[in-house]
Amino acid sequence: MAPDNLTPTQQASLRAVMNRIVPTDAFPSAWEAGAGNYVLRQLSGDLAQQADLIRSGLEALEAEAQATGPAGFAALAPDAQDV
């Protein structure tokens, strides 16, 4: 699903965050299980009024990752995403 309300970088960060909360183990990760598509649909629908807040948080997360590490948030190793 290509969201109209998130940039590709924001979507990658959202995916990484969700997959840190529910990582792949014997079961699919959050994104693989479809939770990402659900959130993206909600941001285009019932939660549209929250989209700016979510975008701002994802941008702040990306800026912090780039300022303190070697890459953007989604490109960091999972253990580095937890810091």
N, C-alpha and C. Protein backbone atom coordinates (compact mmCIF):
# COMPACT_ATOMS: atom_id res chain seq x y z
N MET A 1 0.84 -1.18 0.00
CA MET A 1 0.00 0.00 0.00
C MET A 1 0.89 1.24 0.00
N ALA A 2 0.71 2.11 -0.94
CA ALA A 2 1.46 3.36 -1.00
C ALA A 2 0.61 4.46 -0.37
N PRO A 3 0.95 4.87 0.85
CA PRO A 3 0.12 5.85 1.53
C PRO A 3 0.28 7.24 0.93
N ASP A 4 -0.82 7.97 0.95
CA ASP A 4 -0.78 9.35 0.49
C ASP A 4 -0.34 10.28 1.62
N ASN A 5 -0.37 9.77 2.85
CA ASN A 5 -0.14 10.65 3.98
C ASN A 5 1.24 10.51 4.63
N LEU A 6 2.08 9.59 4.15
CA LEU A 6 3.44 9.44 4.67
C LEU A 6 4.44 9.40 3.52
N THR A 7 5.61 10.01 3.75
CA THR A 7 6.68 9.91 2.77
C THR A 7 7.26 8.49 2.82
N PRO A 8 8.03 8.10 1.81
CA PRO A 8 8.67 6.77 1.88
C PRO A 8 9.55 6.61 3.12
N THR A 9 10.27 7.64 3.52
CA THR A 9 11.11 7.56 4.72
C THR A 9 10.27 7.40 5.97
N GLN A 10 9.18 8.15 6.05
CA GLN A 10 8.28 8.02 7.20
C GLN A 10 7.66 6.62 7.26
N GLN A 11 7.27 6.10 6.11
CA GLN A 11 6.69 4.76 6.08
C GLN A 11 7.72 3.72 6.50
N ALA A 12 8.97 3.88 6.07
CA ALA A 12 10.02 2.93 6.46
C ALA A 12 10.26 3.00 7.97
N SER A 13 10.24 4.18 8.53
CA SER A 13 10.41 4.33 9.99
C SER A 13 9.23 3.71 10.73
N LEU A 14 8.03 3.94 10.24
CA LEU A 14 6.84 3.34 10.87
C LEU A 14 6.94 1.82 10.84
N ARG A 15 7.34 1.29 9.72
CA ARG A 15 7.51 -0.17 9.59
C ARG A 15 8.53 -0.67 10.61
N ALA A 16 9.67 0.01 10.71
CA ALA A 16 10.71 -0.42 11.63
C ALA A 16 10.24 -0.35 13.09
N VAL A 17 9.54 0.71 13.44
CA VAL A 17 9.01 0.85 14.81
C VAL A 17 8.04 -0.28 15.12
N MET A 18 7.11 -0.50 14.21
CA MET A 18 6.11 -1.55 14.44
C MET A 18 6.76 -2.92 14.54
N ASN A 19 7.77 -3.16 13.74
CA ASN A 19 8.45 -4.45 13.75
C ASN A 19 9.36 -4.62 14.97
N ARG A 20 9.74 -3.53 15.63
CA ARG A 20 10.47 -3.65 16.90
C ARG A 20 9.49 -4.00 18.01
N ILE A 21 8.28 -3.50 17.93
CA ILE A 21 7.27 -3.81 18.95
C ILE A 21 6.80 -5.26 18.81
N VAL A 22 6.54 -5.68 17.57
CA VAL A 22 6.13 -7.06 17.29
C VAL A 22 7.07 -7.61 16.22
N PRO A 23 8.22 -8.15 16.66
CA PRO A 23 9.20 -8.66 15.70
C PRO A 23 8.80 -10.04 15.17
N THR A 24 9.45 -10.42 14.10
CA THR A 24 9.27 -11.77 13.56
C THR A 24 9.86 -12.77 14.54
N ASP A 25 9.11 -13.79 14.83
CA ASP A 25 9.61 -14.94 15.59
C ASP A 25 8.95 -16.16 14.97
N ALA A 26 8.26 -16.94 15.71
CA ALA A 26 7.53 -18.06 15.12
C ALA A 26 6.31 -17.56 14.34
N PHE A 27 6.01 -16.29 14.54
CA PHE A 27 4.87 -15.65 13.88
C PHE A 27 5.37 -14.43 13.10
N PRO A 28 4.56 -13.91 12.18
CA PRO A 28 4.98 -12.75 11.39
C PRO A 28 5.16 -11.50 12.25
N SER A 29 5.97 -10.59 11.75
CA SER A 29 6.12 -9.29 12.41
C SER A 29 4.82 -8.50 12.26
N ALA A 30 4.77 -7.38 12.94
CA ALA A 30 3.58 -6.53 12.86
C ALA A 30 3.26 -6.16 11.41
N TRP A 31 4.29 -5.74 10.68
CA TRP A 31 4.06 -5.29 9.30
C TRP A 31 3.65 -6.47 8.42
N GLU A 32 4.34 -7.59 8.58
CA GLU A 32 4.02 -8.78 7.79
C GLU A 32 2.60 -9.28 8.06
N ALA A 33 2.12 -9.07 9.28
CA ALA A 33 0.78 -9.52 9.66
C ALA A 33 -0.31 -8.56 9.19
N GLY A 34 0.07 -7.43 8.63
CA GLY A 34 -0.92 -6.50 8.09
C GLY A 34 -1.24 -5.32 8.98
N ALA A 35 -0.58 -5.22 10.12
CA ALA A 35 -0.85 -4.10 11.02
C ALA A 35 -0.47 -2.76 10.39
N GLY A 36 0.58 -2.76 9.57
CA GLY A 36 0.99 -1.52 8.90
C GLY A 36 -0.07 -1.00 7.95
N ASN A 37 -0.64 -1.89 7.16
CA ASN A 37 -1.70 -1.47 6.24
C ASN A 37 -2.90 -0.93 7.02
N TYR A 38 -3.19 -1.56 8.15
CA TYR A 38 -4.30 -1.10 8.99
C TYR A 38 -4.03 0.33 9.48
N VAL A 39 -2.83 0.56 10.01
CA VAL A 39 -2.49 1.90 10.51
C VAL A 39 -2.53 2.92 9.38
N LEU A 40 -2.00 2.59 8.23
CA LEU A 40 -2.01 3.52 7.10
C LEU A 40 -3.44 3.84 6.67
N ARG A 41 -4.30 2.84 6.64
CA ARG A 41 -5.72 3.09 6.31
C ARG A 41 -6.36 4.00 7.35
N GLN A 42 -6.06 3.76 8.61
CA GLN A 42 -6.64 4.58 9.68
C GLN A 42 -6.16 6.03 9.58
N LEU A 43 -4.89 6.23 9.22
CA LEU A 43 -4.37 7.59 9.08
C LEU A 43 -5.00 8.32 7.90
N SER A 44 -5.55 7.57 6.96
CA SER A 44 -6.26 8.17 5.84
C SER A 44 -7.76 8.29 6.12
N GLY A 45 -8.19 7.69 7.21
CA GLY A 45 -9.62 7.66 7.53
C GLY A 45 -9.89 8.23 8.91
N ASP A 46 -10.28 7.34 9.82
CA ASP A 46 -10.71 7.76 11.16
C ASP A 46 -9.66 8.52 11.95
N LEU A 47 -8.40 8.25 11.71
CA LEU A 47 -7.32 8.92 12.46
C LEU A 47 -6.63 10.02 11.64
N ALA A 48 -7.29 10.49 10.61
CA ALA A 48 -6.68 11.52 9.76
C ALA A 48 -6.27 12.76 10.56
N GLN A 49 -7.03 13.08 11.60
CA GLN A 49 -6.69 14.25 12.41
C GLN A 49 -5.40 14.03 13.21
N GLN A 50 -4.95 12.79 13.34
CA GLN A 50 -3.71 12.47 14.05
C GLN A 50 -2.51 12.32 13.12
N ALA A 51 -2.74 12.38 11.81
CA ALA A 51 -1.67 12.14 10.84
C ALA A 51 -0.50 13.11 11.01
N ASP A 52 -0.78 14.39 11.27
CA ASP A 52 0.31 15.36 11.44
C ASP A 52 1.16 15.01 12.66
N LEU A 53 0.52 14.58 13.73
CA LEU A 53 1.25 14.19 14.93
C LEU A 53 2.14 12.98 14.66
N ILE A 54 1.62 11.99 13.95
CA ILE A 54 2.39 10.79 13.61
C ILE A 54 3.56 11.15 12.71
N ARG A 55 3.29 11.97 11.68
CA ARG A 55 4.36 12.41 10.78
C ARG A 55 5.46 13.15 11.55
N SER A 56 5.07 14.04 12.45
CA SER A 56 6.05 14.79 13.23
C SER A 56 6.91 13.86 14.09
N GLY A 57 6.28 12.87 14.71
CA GLY A 57 7.02 11.91 15.52
C GLY A 57 7.99 11.09 14.69
N LEU A 58 7.55 10.66 13.53
CA LEU A 58 8.42 9.87 12.65
C LEU A 58 9.58 10.72 12.13
N GLU A 59 9.32 11.99 11.83
CA GLU A 59 10.39 12.89 11.38
C GLU A 59 11.39 13.12 12.50
N ALA A 60 10.92 13.27 13.74
CA ALA A 60 11.82 13.47 14.87
C ALA A 60 12.67 12.23 15.11
N LEU A 61 12.06 11.07 15.00
CA LEU A 61 12.80 9.82 15.16
C LEU A 61 13.89 9.70 14.10
N GLU A 62 13.57 10.03 12.87
CA GLU A 62 14.53 9.98 11.77
C GLU A 62 15.66 10.98 11.99
N ALA A 63 15.32 12.20 12.41
CA ALA A 63 16.33 13.23 12.65
C ALA A 63 17.27 12.81 13.77
N GLU A 64 16.74 12.24 14.83
CA GLU A 64 17.58 11.78 15.94
C GLU A 64 18.50 10.66 15.50
N ALA A 65 17.98 9.73 14.72
CA ALA A 65 18.81 8.62 14.24
C ALA A 65 19.95 9.12 13.37
N GLN A 66 19.66 10.07 12.50
CA GLN A 66 20.71 10.60 11.61
C GLN A 66 21.72 11.45 12.37
N ALA A 67 21.26 12.13 13.42
CA ALA A 67 22.16 12.99 14.18
C ALA A 67 23.09 12.20 15.09
N THR A 68 22.66 11.04 15.52
CA THR A 68 23.45 10.29 16.50
C THR A 68 24.04 8.98 15.98
N GLY A 69 23.64 8.60 14.77
CA GLY A 69 24.11 7.32 14.26
C GLY A 69 24.56 7.39 12.83
N PRO A 70 24.88 6.23 12.28
CA PRO A 70 25.41 6.19 10.93
C PRO A 70 24.36 6.21 9.82
N ALA A 71 23.07 6.13 10.19
CA ALA A 71 22.05 5.99 9.15
C ALA A 71 20.69 6.45 9.68
N GLY A 72 19.72 6.48 8.79
CA GLY A 72 18.36 6.76 9.20
C GLY A 72 17.83 5.62 10.06
N PHE A 73 16.71 5.86 10.73
CA PHE A 73 16.18 4.90 11.69
C PHE A 73 15.94 3.53 11.08
N ALA A 74 15.28 3.46 9.95
CA ALA A 74 14.93 2.17 9.36
C ALA A 74 16.16 1.37 8.95
N ALA A 75 17.27 2.04 8.65
CA ALA A 75 18.48 1.35 8.22
C ALA A 75 19.34 0.87 9.39
N LEU A 76 19.03 1.31 10.59
CA LEU A 76 19.81 0.87 11.76
C LEU A 76 19.54 -0.58 12.07
N ALA A 77 20.53 -1.23 12.67
CA ALA A 77 20.33 -2.60 13.14
C ALA A 77 19.26 -2.57 14.24
N PRO A 78 18.50 -3.63 14.37
CA PRO A 78 17.41 -3.65 15.37
C PRO A 78 17.85 -3.25 16.78
N ASP A 79 19.00 -3.72 17.23
CA ASP A 79 19.42 -3.35 18.58
C ASP A 79 19.77 -1.86 18.68
N ALA A 80 20.24 -1.26 17.60
CA ALA A 80 20.51 0.18 17.58
C ALA A 80 19.22 0.99 17.56
N GLN A 81 18.15 0.44 17.02
CA GLN A 81 16.85 1.11 17.02
C GLN A 81 16.28 1.22 18.44
N ASP A 82 16.72 0.35 19.32
CA ASP A 82 16.20 0.35 20.70
C ASP A 82 16.85 1.40 21.58
N VAL A 83 17.94 1.99 21.14
CA VAL A 83 18.68 2.93 21.99
C VAL A 83 18.00 4.25 22.09
